[in-house]
């Protein structure tokens, strides 16, 4: 369940990122790249990245924007998933 929720949040984070102004996008990219020790998972300043880097960035962005998921977040996701209301 946790992996499904994290994947859902990562997809939402990608949508959120695309809605940001370019200056805000750049700020997030710089922050991400500064903390990312694996060079192959860094994202270029134009936002282009390999699939693994793009996924790592999306998961990181979700945590930055919404913080780490809580038990309550997981329960709400489970209930929403069970009722089909997304």
N, C-alpha and C. Protein backbone atom coordinates (compact mmCIF):
# COMPACT_ATOMS: atom_id res chain seq x y z
N UNK A 1 0.82 -1.18 0.00
CA UNK A 1 0.00 0.00 0.00
C UNK A 1 0.87 1.26 0.00
N UNK A 2 1.93 1.23 0.80
CA UNK A 2 2.81 2.40 0.86
C UNK A 2 3.42 2.71 -0.50
N UNK A 3 3.86 1.71 -1.21
CA UNK A 3 4.48 1.96 -2.52
C UNK A 3 3.47 2.55 -3.50
N UNK A 4 2.23 2.09 -3.45
CA UNK A 4 1.19 2.68 -4.33
C UNK A 4 0.93 4.13 -3.97
N UNK A 5 0.90 4.42 -2.68
CA UNK A 5 0.66 5.79 -2.25
C UNK A 5 1.82 6.69 -2.66
N UNK A 6 3.04 6.22 -2.47
CA UNK A 6 4.20 7.03 -2.85
C UNK A 6 4.24 7.28 -4.36
N UNK A 7 3.87 6.28 -5.14
CA UNK A 7 3.81 6.44 -6.59
C UNK A 7 2.74 7.45 -6.98
N UNK A 8 1.59 7.39 -6.30
CA UNK A 8 0.52 8.35 -6.54
C UNK A 8 1.00 9.77 -6.25
N UNK A 9 1.67 9.94 -5.09
CA UNK A 9 2.19 11.27 -4.72
C UNK A 9 3.24 11.75 -5.71
N UNK A 10 4.08 10.86 -6.19
CA UNK A 10 5.11 11.24 -7.15
C UNK A 10 4.47 11.75 -8.45
N UNK A 11 3.42 11.07 -8.88
CA UNK A 11 2.71 11.51 -10.08
C UNK A 11 2.07 12.88 -9.86
N UNK A 12 1.51 13.09 -8.69
CA UNK A 12 0.93 14.39 -8.36
C UNK A 12 2.01 15.47 -8.29
N UNK A 13 3.17 15.11 -7.77
CA UNK A 13 4.29 16.05 -7.68
C UNK A 13 4.76 16.47 -9.07
N UNK A 14 4.77 15.53 -10.02
CA UNK A 14 5.14 15.86 -11.40
C UNK A 14 4.18 16.90 -11.98
N UNK A 15 2.90 16.69 -11.75
CA UNK A 15 1.89 17.64 -12.25
C UNK A 15 2.09 19.00 -11.60
N UNK A 16 2.32 18.99 -10.29
CA UNK A 16 2.55 20.24 -9.55
C UNK A 16 3.76 20.98 -10.12
N UNK A 17 4.84 20.25 -10.36
CA UNK A 17 6.07 20.85 -10.87
C UNK A 17 5.83 21.52 -12.22
N UNK A 18 5.07 20.87 -13.07
CA UNK A 18 4.79 21.41 -14.40
C UNK A 18 3.98 22.70 -14.35
N UNK A 19 3.23 22.90 -13.26
CA UNK A 19 2.42 24.11 -13.11
C UNK A 19 3.21 25.29 -12.55
N UNK A 20 4.40 25.03 -12.04
CA UNK A 20 5.20 26.09 -11.43
C UNK A 20 5.83 27.01 -12.47
N UNK A 21 6.11 28.23 -12.05
CA UNK A 21 6.88 29.15 -12.89
C UNK A 21 8.29 28.59 -13.05
N UNK A 22 8.97 28.97 -14.10
CA UNK A 22 10.29 28.41 -14.37
C UNK A 22 11.29 28.73 -13.26
N UNK A 23 11.17 29.89 -12.62
CA UNK A 23 12.08 30.25 -11.52
C UNK A 23 11.89 29.30 -10.34
N UNK A 24 10.64 28.96 -10.03
CA UNK A 24 10.36 28.03 -8.94
C UNK A 24 10.84 26.62 -9.29
N UNK A 25 10.66 26.24 -10.55
CA UNK A 25 11.15 24.94 -10.99
C UNK A 25 12.67 24.87 -10.81
N UNK A 26 13.35 25.93 -11.21
CA UNK A 26 14.80 25.97 -11.09
C UNK A 26 15.25 25.86 -9.64
N UNK A 27 14.53 26.52 -8.74
CA UNK A 27 14.88 26.44 -7.31
C UNK A 27 14.79 25.00 -6.82
N UNK A 28 13.72 24.31 -7.17
CA UNK A 28 13.57 22.92 -6.75
C UNK A 28 14.66 22.04 -7.36
N UNK A 29 14.97 22.26 -8.64
CA UNK A 29 16.01 21.47 -9.29
C UNK A 29 17.37 21.66 -8.62
N UNK A 30 17.69 22.89 -8.28
CA UNK A 30 18.96 23.17 -7.61
C UNK A 30 18.99 22.48 -6.24
N UNK A 31 17.91 22.62 -5.47
CA UNK A 31 17.85 21.98 -4.15
C UNK A 31 18.01 20.46 -4.27
N UNK A 32 17.31 19.88 -5.23
CA UNK A 32 17.38 18.43 -5.43
C UNK A 32 18.79 18.01 -5.80
N UNK A 33 19.36 18.66 -6.78
CA UNK A 33 20.69 18.28 -7.25
C UNK A 33 21.76 18.46 -6.18
N UNK A 34 21.60 19.47 -5.33
CA UNK A 34 22.57 19.70 -4.26
C UNK A 34 22.58 18.55 -3.24
N UNK A 35 21.44 17.96 -3.00
CA UNK A 35 21.38 16.89 -2.02
C UNK A 35 21.54 15.50 -2.64
N UNK A 36 21.50 15.41 -3.95
CA UNK A 36 21.58 14.12 -4.63
C UNK A 36 23.04 13.72 -4.83
N UNK A 37 23.48 12.69 -4.12
CA UNK A 37 24.88 12.27 -4.20
C UNK A 37 25.18 11.43 -5.44
N UNK A 38 24.19 10.76 -5.97
CA UNK A 38 24.38 9.92 -7.16
C UNK A 38 24.27 10.79 -8.42
N UNK A 39 25.38 10.96 -9.09
CA UNK A 39 25.40 11.83 -10.27
C UNK A 39 24.38 11.40 -11.33
N UNK A 40 24.18 10.11 -11.50
CA UNK A 40 23.23 9.63 -12.52
C UNK A 40 21.78 9.95 -12.17
N UNK A 41 21.52 10.35 -10.92
CA UNK A 41 20.15 10.70 -10.52
C UNK A 41 19.93 12.21 -10.47
N UNK A 42 20.91 12.98 -10.89
CA UNK A 42 20.73 14.44 -10.94
C UNK A 42 19.95 14.81 -12.19
N UNK A 43 19.24 15.93 -12.10
CA UNK A 43 18.43 16.42 -13.20
C UNK A 43 19.09 17.68 -13.75
N UNK A 44 19.16 17.81 -15.07
CA UNK A 44 19.78 18.99 -15.66
C UNK A 44 18.93 20.23 -15.40
N UNK A 45 19.54 21.38 -15.54
CA UNK A 45 18.84 22.64 -15.23
C UNK A 45 17.64 22.88 -16.14
N UNK A 46 17.59 22.23 -17.30
CA UNK A 46 16.43 22.40 -18.18
C UNK A 46 15.33 21.40 -17.86
N UNK A 47 15.54 20.60 -16.79
CA UNK A 47 14.51 19.67 -16.34
C UNK A 47 14.54 18.33 -17.03
N UNK A 48 15.44 18.16 -17.99
CA UNK A 48 15.51 16.86 -18.68
C UNK A 48 16.30 15.89 -17.82
N UNK A 49 15.80 14.67 -17.80
CA UNK A 49 16.45 13.66 -16.96
C UNK A 49 16.16 12.28 -17.50
N UNK A 50 17.03 11.35 -17.15
CA UNK A 50 16.76 9.96 -17.45
C UNK A 50 15.59 9.52 -16.57
N UNK A 51 14.98 8.42 -16.94
CA UNK A 51 13.79 7.97 -16.23
C UNK A 51 14.03 7.79 -14.73
N UNK A 52 15.13 7.16 -14.36
CA UNK A 52 15.42 6.95 -12.94
C UNK A 52 15.59 8.27 -12.20
N UNK A 53 16.25 9.22 -12.83
CA UNK A 53 16.45 10.53 -12.21
C UNK A 53 15.12 11.28 -12.09
N UNK A 54 14.29 11.19 -13.11
CA UNK A 54 12.99 11.86 -13.07
C UNK A 54 12.12 11.28 -11.96
N UNK A 55 12.16 9.97 -11.80
CA UNK A 55 11.38 9.33 -10.73
C UNK A 55 11.90 9.72 -9.36
N UNK A 56 13.22 9.69 -9.19
CA UNK A 56 13.81 10.09 -7.91
C UNK A 56 13.46 11.53 -7.57
N UNK A 57 13.50 12.39 -8.58
CA UNK A 57 13.14 13.79 -8.36
C UNK A 57 11.68 13.92 -7.95
N UNK A 58 10.79 13.19 -8.59
CA UNK A 58 9.35 13.27 -8.28
C UNK A 58 9.07 12.82 -6.84
N UNK A 59 9.71 11.75 -6.41
CA UNK A 59 9.53 11.27 -5.04
C UNK A 59 10.08 12.29 -4.04
N UNK A 60 11.24 12.86 -4.35
CA UNK A 60 11.85 13.88 -3.49
C UNK A 60 10.94 15.11 -3.42
N UNK A 61 10.44 15.55 -4.57
CA UNK A 61 9.58 16.73 -4.62
C UNK A 61 8.31 16.52 -3.80
N UNK A 62 7.73 15.35 -3.88
CA UNK A 62 6.53 15.06 -3.09
C UNK A 62 6.81 15.22 -1.61
N UNK A 63 7.96 14.74 -1.16
CA UNK A 63 8.33 14.90 0.25
C UNK A 63 8.57 16.36 0.60
N UNK A 64 9.16 17.11 -0.32
CA UNK A 64 9.43 18.53 -0.06
C UNK A 64 8.12 19.33 0.04
N UNK A 65 7.20 19.03 -0.83
CA UNK A 65 5.95 19.80 -0.90
C UNK A 65 4.97 19.37 0.18
N UNK A 66 4.83 18.06 0.38
CA UNK A 66 3.81 17.56 1.29
C UNK A 66 4.37 16.88 2.53
N UNK A 67 5.67 16.85 2.69
CA UNK A 67 6.39 16.17 3.78
C UNK A 67 6.21 14.66 3.68
N UNK A 68 6.85 13.96 4.57
CA UNK A 68 6.76 12.50 4.56
C UNK A 68 5.33 12.08 4.87
N UNK A 69 4.85 11.01 4.24
CA UNK A 69 3.47 10.57 4.50
C UNK A 69 3.31 10.04 5.92
N UNK A 70 2.16 10.35 6.48
CA UNK A 70 1.82 9.88 7.82
C UNK A 70 0.90 8.66 7.71
N UNK A 71 0.68 8.03 8.84
CA UNK A 71 -0.27 6.92 8.86
C UNK A 71 -1.66 7.39 8.42
N UNK A 72 -2.00 8.59 8.83
CA UNK A 72 -3.31 9.16 8.45
C UNK A 72 -3.40 9.36 6.94
N UNK A 73 -2.31 9.83 6.32
CA UNK A 73 -2.30 9.99 4.87
C UNK A 73 -2.55 8.65 4.18
N UNK A 74 -1.88 7.61 4.67
CA UNK A 74 -2.05 6.29 4.08
C UNK A 74 -3.48 5.77 4.27
N UNK A 75 -4.03 5.99 5.45
CA UNK A 75 -5.40 5.55 5.70
C UNK A 75 -6.37 6.29 4.78
N UNK A 76 -6.21 7.59 4.65
CA UNK A 76 -7.08 8.36 3.75
C UNK A 76 -6.97 7.87 2.31
N UNK A 77 -5.74 7.57 1.89
CA UNK A 77 -5.53 7.06 0.54
C UNK A 77 -6.22 5.71 0.38
N UNK A 78 -6.07 4.86 1.36
CA UNK A 78 -6.70 3.54 1.32
C UNK A 78 -8.22 3.67 1.24
N UNK A 79 -8.78 4.54 2.05
CA UNK A 79 -10.23 4.73 2.05
C UNK A 79 -10.71 5.33 0.72
N UNK A 80 -9.97 6.29 0.20
CA UNK A 80 -10.32 6.91 -1.06
C UNK A 80 -10.21 5.88 -2.19
N UNK A 81 -9.18 5.05 -2.11
CA UNK A 81 -8.97 4.01 -3.11
C UNK A 81 -10.11 2.97 -3.05
N UNK A 82 -10.53 2.63 -1.84
CA UNK A 82 -11.58 1.63 -1.67
C UNK A 82 -12.93 2.12 -2.18
N UNK A 83 -13.17 3.42 -2.08
CA UNK A 83 -14.44 3.96 -2.55
C UNK A 83 -14.38 4.42 -3.99
N UNK A 84 -13.17 4.41 -4.56
CA UNK A 84 -13.02 4.80 -5.96
C UNK A 84 -13.11 6.29 -6.19
N UNK A 85 -12.98 7.09 -5.15
CA UNK A 85 -13.10 8.56 -5.31
C UNK A 85 -11.72 9.19 -5.29
N UNK A 86 -11.17 9.35 -6.47
CA UNK A 86 -9.85 10.02 -6.59
C UNK A 86 -9.99 11.31 -7.30
